Amino acid sequence: MEDKEREFIIALEKLTRETGIAIGGCGCCGSPRLDKINLAKESKLAGYGTDGSCDIMWISPNDSYDWDNYKNSIIK
């Protein structure tokens, strides 16, 4: 990942934490999409990452499948 891309993802995480709206997408129908997240229940460990393809997603302990499988891809 290039430095500018990393900077963008970090800024996007900040925006998501300010607004409670996460951006996700997989490149199929309906992408990108906006997802509301509950900021009161959100962990500081959550953030944007990838499932190993070109997808980007909000990865949170609140979603056990994504957390268990993709938490190591969170960009910090």
C-alpha atoms as a PDB file:
ATOM      1  CA  MET A   1       0.000   0.000   0.000  1.00  0.00           C
ATOM      2  CA  GLU A   2       1.313   3.412  -0.970  1.00  0.00           C
ATOM      3  CA  ASP A   3       1.769   6.174   1.621  1.00  0.00           C
ATOM      4  CA  LYS A   4      -1.013   8.324   0.104  1.00  0.00           C
ATOM      5  CA  GLU A   5      -3.427   5.392   0.247  1.00  0.00           C
ATOM      6  CA  ARG A   6      -2.534   4.738   3.902  1.00  0.00           C
ATOM      7  CA  GLU A   7      -3.025   8.437   4.705  1.00  0.00           C
ATOM      8  CA  PHE A   8      -6.431   8.336   3.008  1.00  0.00           C
ATOM      9  CA  ILE A   9      -7.555   5.275   4.993  1.00  0.00           C
ATOM     10  CA  ILE A  10      -6.415   6.830   8.277  1.00  0.00           C
ATOM     11  CA  ALA A  11      -8.320  10.046   7.453  1.00  0.00           C
ATOM     12  CA  LEU A  12     -11.364   7.969   6.469  1.00  0.00           C
ATOM     13  CA  GLU A  13     -11.252   6.202   9.847  1.00  0.00           C
ATOM     14  CA  LYS A  14     -11.248   9.583  11.594  1.00  0.00           C
ATOM     15  CA  LEU A  15     -14.233  10.725   9.517  1.00  0.00           C
ATOM     16  CA  THR A  16     -16.076   7.489  10.284  1.00  0.00           C
ATOM     17  CA  ARG A  17     -15.490   7.943  14.022  1.00  0.00           C
ATOM     18  CA  GLU A  18     -16.798  11.525  13.776  1.00  0.00           C
ATOM     19  CA  THR A  19     -19.915  10.736  11.739  1.00  0.00           C
ATOM     20  CA  GLY A  20     -20.804   7.121  12.543  1.00  0.00           C
ATOM     21  CA  ILE A  21     -20.861   6.299   8.828  1.00  0.00           C
ATOM     22  CA  ALA A  22     -18.503   3.707   7.382  1.00  0.00           C
ATOM     23  CA  ILE A  23     -17.793   3.229   3.692  1.00  0.00           C
ATOM     24  CA  GLY A  24     -17.551  -0.285   2.320  1.00  0.00           C
ATOM     25  CA  GLY A  25     -17.444  -1.877  -1.038  1.00  0.00           C
ATOM     26  CA  CYS A  26     -16.701  -5.074  -2.859  1.00  0.00           C
ATOM     27  CA  GLY A  27     -16.968  -3.921  -6.438  1.00  0.00           C
ATOM     28  CA  CYS A  28     -20.302  -5.608  -7.049  1.00  0.00           C
ATOM     29  CA  CYS A  29     -23.808  -4.127  -7.180  1.00  0.00           C
ATOM     30  CA  GLY A  30     -24.421  -1.466  -4.604  1.00  0.00           C
ATOM     31  CA  SER A  31     -20.740  -0.612  -4.139  1.00  0.00           C
ATOM     32  CA  PRO A  32     -19.606   1.519  -2.581  1.00  0.00           C
ATOM     33  CA  ARG A  33     -22.097   1.623   0.218  1.00  0.00           C
ATOM     34  CA  LEU A  34     -22.557   3.617   3.406  1.00  0.00           C
ATOM     35  CA  ASP A  35     -23.059   1.714   6.653  1.00  0.00           C
ATOM     36  CA  LYS A  36     -24.169   3.275   9.930  1.00  0.00           C
ATOM     37  CA  ILE A  37     -22.154   2.189  12.949  1.00  0.00           C
ATOM     38  CA  ASN A  38     -23.012   2.670  16.603  1.00  0.00           C
ATOM     39  CA  LEU A  39     -20.249   4.923  17.897  1.00  0.00           C
ATOM     40  CA  ALA A  40     -21.268   4.350  21.511  1.00  0.00           C
ATOM     41  CA  LYS A  41     -20.552   0.633  21.112  1.00  0.00           C
ATOM     42  CA  GLU A  42     -17.561   0.886  18.792  1.00  0.00           C
ATOM     43  CA  SER A  43     -14.124  -0.285  19.887  1.00  0.00           C
ATOM     44  CA  LYS A  44     -10.998   1.814  19.504  1.00  0.00           C
ATOM     45  CA  LEU A  45      -9.478  -1.310  17.933  1.00  0.00           C
ATOM     46  CA  ALA A  46     -11.845  -1.127  14.945  1.00  0.00           C
ATOM     47  CA  GLY A  47     -10.734   0.369  11.659  1.00  0.00           C
ATOM     48  CA  TYR A  48     -10.576  -0.035   7.912  1.00  0.00           C
ATOM     49  CA  GLY A  49      -8.938  -3.050   6.380  1.00  0.00           C
ATOM     50  CA  THR A  50      -9.280  -5.490   3.562  1.00  0.00           C
ATOM     51  CA  ASP A  51     -10.276  -9.077   3.052  1.00  0.00           C
ATOM     52  CA  GLY A  52      -7.175  -9.618   0.930  1.00  0.00           C
ATOM     53  CA  SER A  53      -8.717  -8.595  -2.358  1.00  0.00           C
ATOM     54  CA  CYS A  54      -9.477  -5.050  -3.447  1.00  0.00           C
ATOM     55  CA  ASP A  55     -12.377  -4.795  -0.980  1.00  0.00           C
ATOM     56  CA  ILE A  56     -12.267  -2.256   1.815  1.00  0.00           C
ATOM     57  CA  MET A  57     -14.391  -2.589   4.908  1.00  0.00           C
ATOM     58  CA  TRP A  58     -14.905  -1.386   8.446  1.00  0.00           C
ATOM     59  CA  ILE A  59     -13.604  -4.182  10.664  1.00  0.00           C
ATOM     60  CA  SER A  60     -14.912  -4.215  14.202  1.00  0.00           C
ATOM     61  CA  PRO A  61     -15.068  -6.595  17.173  1.00  0.00           C
ATOM     62  CA  ASN A  62     -18.842  -6.043  16.911  1.00  0.00           C
ATOM     63  CA  ASP A  63     -18.825  -8.269  13.801  1.00  0.00           C
ATOM     64  CA  SER A  64     -17.232 -11.494  15.000  1.00  0.00           C
ATOM     65  CA  TYR A  65     -16.781 -13.004  11.514  1.00  0.00           C
ATOM     66  CA  ASP A  66     -14.944  -9.990  10.059  1.00  0.00           C
ATOM     67  CA  TRP A  67     -13.016  -9.477  13.301  1.00  0.00           C
ATOM     68  CA  ASP A  68     -11.855 -13.090  13.525  1.00  0.00           C
ATOM     69  CA  ASN A  69     -10.857 -13.227   9.876  1.00  0.00           C
ATOM     70  CA  TYR A  70      -9.593  -9.751   9.008  1.00  0.00           C
ATOM     71  CA  LYS A  71      -8.533  -7.882  12.168  1.00  0.00           C
ATOM     72  CA  ASN A  72      -4.866  -8.205  11.200  1.00  0.00           C
ATOM     73  CA  SER A  73      -5.480  -6.235   8.010  1.00  0.00           C
ATOM     74  CA  ILE A  74      -6.601  -3.037   9.807  1.00  0.00           C
ATOM     75  CA  ILE A  75      -4.581  -0.089   8.562  1.00  0.00           C
ATOM     76  CA  LYS A  76      -3.079   2.110  11.258  1.00  0.00           C
END
